[in-house]
C-alpha atoms as a PDB file:
ATOM      1  CA  MET A   1     -31.091 -54.456  96.626  1.00  0.00           C
ATOM      2  CA  GLU A   2     -30.101 -51.881  94.051  1.00  0.00           C
ATOM      3  CA  ASN A   3     -31.550 -51.959  90.556  1.00  0.00           C
ATOM      4  CA  ASP A   4     -28.847 -51.099  87.995  1.00  0.00           C
ATOM      5  CA  ASN A   5     -31.224 -51.578  85.056  1.00  0.00           C
ATOM      6  CA  ILE A   6     -33.065 -48.233  85.204  1.00  0.00           C
ATOM      7  CA  TYR A   7     -34.328 -47.121  81.812  1.00  0.00           C
ATOM      8  CA  PHE A   8     -35.573 -43.617  82.610  1.00  0.00           C
ATOM      9  CA  THR A   9     -33.884 -41.096  84.823  1.00  0.00           C
ATOM     10  CA  LYS A  10     -35.348 -37.975  86.372  1.00  0.00           C
ATOM     11  CA  LYS A  11     -34.221 -35.965  83.311  1.00  0.00           C
ATOM     12  CA  ASN A  12     -36.192 -38.286  81.019  1.00  0.00           C
ATOM     13  CA  TYR A  13     -39.368 -37.801  83.031  1.00  0.00           C
ATOM     14  CA  ILE A  14     -38.871 -34.027  83.092  1.00  0.00           C
ATOM     15  CA  MET A  15     -38.441 -33.958  79.288  1.00  0.00           C
ATOM     16  CA  ILE A  16     -41.521 -36.114  78.752  1.00  0.00           C
ATOM     17  CA  LEU A  17     -43.586 -33.919  81.055  1.00  0.00           C
ATOM     18  CA  ALA A  18     -42.308 -30.768  79.333  1.00  0.00           C
ATOM     19  CA  GLY A  19     -43.242 -32.220  75.932  1.00  0.00           C
ATOM     20  CA  ILE A  20     -46.733 -33.047  77.151  1.00  0.00           C
ATOM     21  CA  ILE A  21     -47.148 -29.503  78.445  1.00  0.00           C
ATOM     22  CA  VAL A  22     -45.936 -28.091  75.102  1.00  0.00           C
ATOM     23  CA  PHE A  23     -48.350 -30.084  72.943  1.00  0.00           C
ATOM     24  CA  VAL A  24     -51.281 -29.428  75.287  1.00  0.00           C
ATOM     25  CA  LEU A  25     -50.432 -25.735  74.956  1.00  0.00           C
ATOM     26  CA  GLY A  26     -50.407 -26.161  71.163  1.00  0.00           C
ATOM     27  CA  TYR A  27     -53.849 -27.745  71.188  1.00  0.00           C
ATOM     28  CA  PHE A  28     -55.093 -24.943  73.448  1.00  0.00           C
ATOM     29  CA  ILE A  29     -53.781 -22.336  70.992  1.00  0.00           C
ATOM     30  CA  MET A  30     -55.407 -24.216  68.113  1.00  0.00           C
ATOM     31  CA  SER A  31     -58.845 -24.191  69.740  1.00  0.00           C
ATOM     32  CA  GLY A  32     -61.392 -21.430  69.405  1.00  0.00           C
ATOM     33  CA  GLY A  33     -62.606 -19.376  66.491  1.00  0.00           C
ATOM     34  CA  ASN A  34     -66.225 -20.407  66.828  1.00  0.00           C
ATOM     35  CA  PRO A  35     -68.761 -17.660  66.236  1.00  0.00           C
ATOM     36  CA  GLU A  36     -71.579 -17.240  68.731  1.00  0.00           C
ATOM     37  CA  ASP A  37     -74.159 -17.887  66.015  1.00  0.00           C
ATOM     38  CA  PRO A  38     -73.396 -21.108  64.087  1.00  0.00           C
ATOM     39  CA  SER A  39     -74.994 -19.741  60.929  1.00  0.00           C
ATOM     40  CA  ASP A  40     -72.484 -16.850  60.789  1.00  0.00           C
ATOM     41  CA  TYR A  41     -69.196 -17.266  58.930  1.00  0.00           C
ATOM     42  CA  SER A  42     -66.046 -16.435  60.870  1.00  0.00           C
ATOM     43  CA  ASP A  43     -62.570 -15.794  59.420  1.00  0.00           C
ATOM     44  CA  ASP A  44     -61.020 -16.442  62.838  1.00  0.00           C
ATOM     45  CA  ILE A  45     -60.395 -20.086  62.022  1.00  0.00           C
ATOM     46  CA  PHE A  46     -58.054 -19.156  59.169  1.00  0.00           C
ATOM     47  CA  ASN A  47     -55.547 -17.001  61.047  1.00  0.00           C
ATOM     48  CA  PHE A  48     -51.803 -17.597  61.432  1.00  0.00           C
ATOM     49  CA  GLN A  49     -52.141 -18.695  65.038  1.00  0.00           C
ATOM     50  CA  ARG A  50     -54.446 -21.636  64.305  1.00  0.00           C
ATOM     51  CA  LEU A  51     -53.157 -22.736  60.900  1.00  0.00           C
ATOM     52  CA  THR A  52     -49.386 -22.383  61.297  1.00  0.00           C
ATOM     53  CA  LEU A  53     -48.193 -21.656  64.819  1.00  0.00           C
ATOM     54  CA  ALA A  54     -50.304 -24.144  66.783  1.00  0.00           C
ATOM     55  CA  PRO A  55     -49.522 -27.210  64.611  1.00  0.00           C
ATOM     56  CA  PHE A  56     -45.814 -26.347  64.806  1.00  0.00           C
ATOM     57  CA  ILE A  57     -46.034 -26.194  68.617  1.00  0.00           C
ATOM     58  CA  VAL A  58     -47.945 -29.497  68.771  1.00  0.00           C
ATOM     59  CA  ILE A  59     -45.406 -31.287  66.563  1.00  0.00           C
ATOM     60  CA  SER A  60     -42.489 -29.864  68.548  1.00  0.00           C
ATOM     61  CA  GLY A  61     -44.146 -31.127  71.742  1.00  0.00           C
ATOM     62  CA  TYR A  62     -44.331 -34.640  70.320  1.00  0.00           C
ATOM     63  CA  VAL A  63     -40.668 -34.395  69.257  1.00  0.00           C
ATOM     64  CA  ILE A  64     -39.696 -33.378  72.805  1.00  0.00           C
ATOM     65  CA  VAL A  65     -41.602 -36.369  74.213  1.00  0.00           C
ATOM     66  CA  LEU A  66     -39.932 -38.689  71.707  1.00  0.00           C
ATOM     67  CA  PHE A  67     -36.515 -37.264  72.536  1.00  0.00           C
ATOM     68  CA  GLY A  68     -37.253 -37.710  76.246  1.00  0.00           C
ATOM     69  CA  ILE A  69     -38.049 -41.380  75.637  1.00  0.00           C
ATOM     70  CA  ILE A  70     -35.105 -42.113  73.342  1.00  0.00           C
ATOM     71  CA  LYS A  71     -32.357 -40.088  75.063  1.00  0.00           C
ATOM     72  CA  ASN A  72     -30.227 -42.178  77.381  1.00  0.00           C
ATOM     73  CA  PHE A  73     -29.066 -40.066  80.307  1.00  0.00           C
ATOM     74  CA  LYS A  74     -26.531 -41.638  82.610  1.00  0.00           C
ATOM     75  CA  PRO A  75     -28.027 -42.237  86.050  1.00  0.00           C
ATOM     76  CA  GLU A  76     -26.675 -39.888  88.673  1.00  0.00           C
ATOM     77  CA  SER A  77     -25.249 -41.569  91.707  1.00  0.00           C
ATOM     78  CA  ASP A  78     -23.661 -40.058  94.801  1.00  0.00           C
ATOM     79  CA  THR A  79     -21.289 -42.997  95.227  1.00  0.00           C
ATOM     80  CA  GLU A  80     -19.706 -42.428  91.811  1.00  0.00           C
ATOM     81  CA  GLU A  81     -18.928 -38.820  92.693  1.00  0.00           C
ATOM     82  CA  ILE A  82     -17.340 -39.812  96.000  1.00  0.00           C
ATOM     83  CA  ASP A  83     -15.295 -42.583  94.384  1.00  0.00           C
ATOM     84  CA  SER A  84     -14.035 -40.343  91.592  1.00  0.00           C
ATOM     85  CA  SER A  85     -13.006 -37.576  94.023  1.00  0.00           C
ATOM     86  CA  THR A  86     -11.081 -39.972  96.279  1.00  0.00           C
ATOM     87  CA  LYS A  87      -9.114 -41.511  93.393  1.00  0.00           C
ATOM     88  CA  LYS A  88      -7.396 -38.219  92.555  1.00  0.00           C
END
C-alpha cells in the first residue's frame, strides 16, 4: 500500500537538519567570554561576535528550519520519470 499523503520529503528533513545545525552553531559562537575570576570585569562579552554575528546566525537558523517545514517539495518518484520518458 502506497501512501500518497506524504507531508515531508527528504529535502524537507535535510533543510530542517541544516537549520538546527546552523542555530546550534550560533549558540556555540555566542557562548564564552567568562573570565577565570568572577570578580574580574571582562570586555569579551561585548564584542561583535557575541552581540551581532551570533544572534544573526541563530535567527537565520530558525528561518531555515521554518522554511524547511513550510516549503512543499514535490515527492520524487521513479515511476513518474519512467512514465514521462515513455510518453515522448
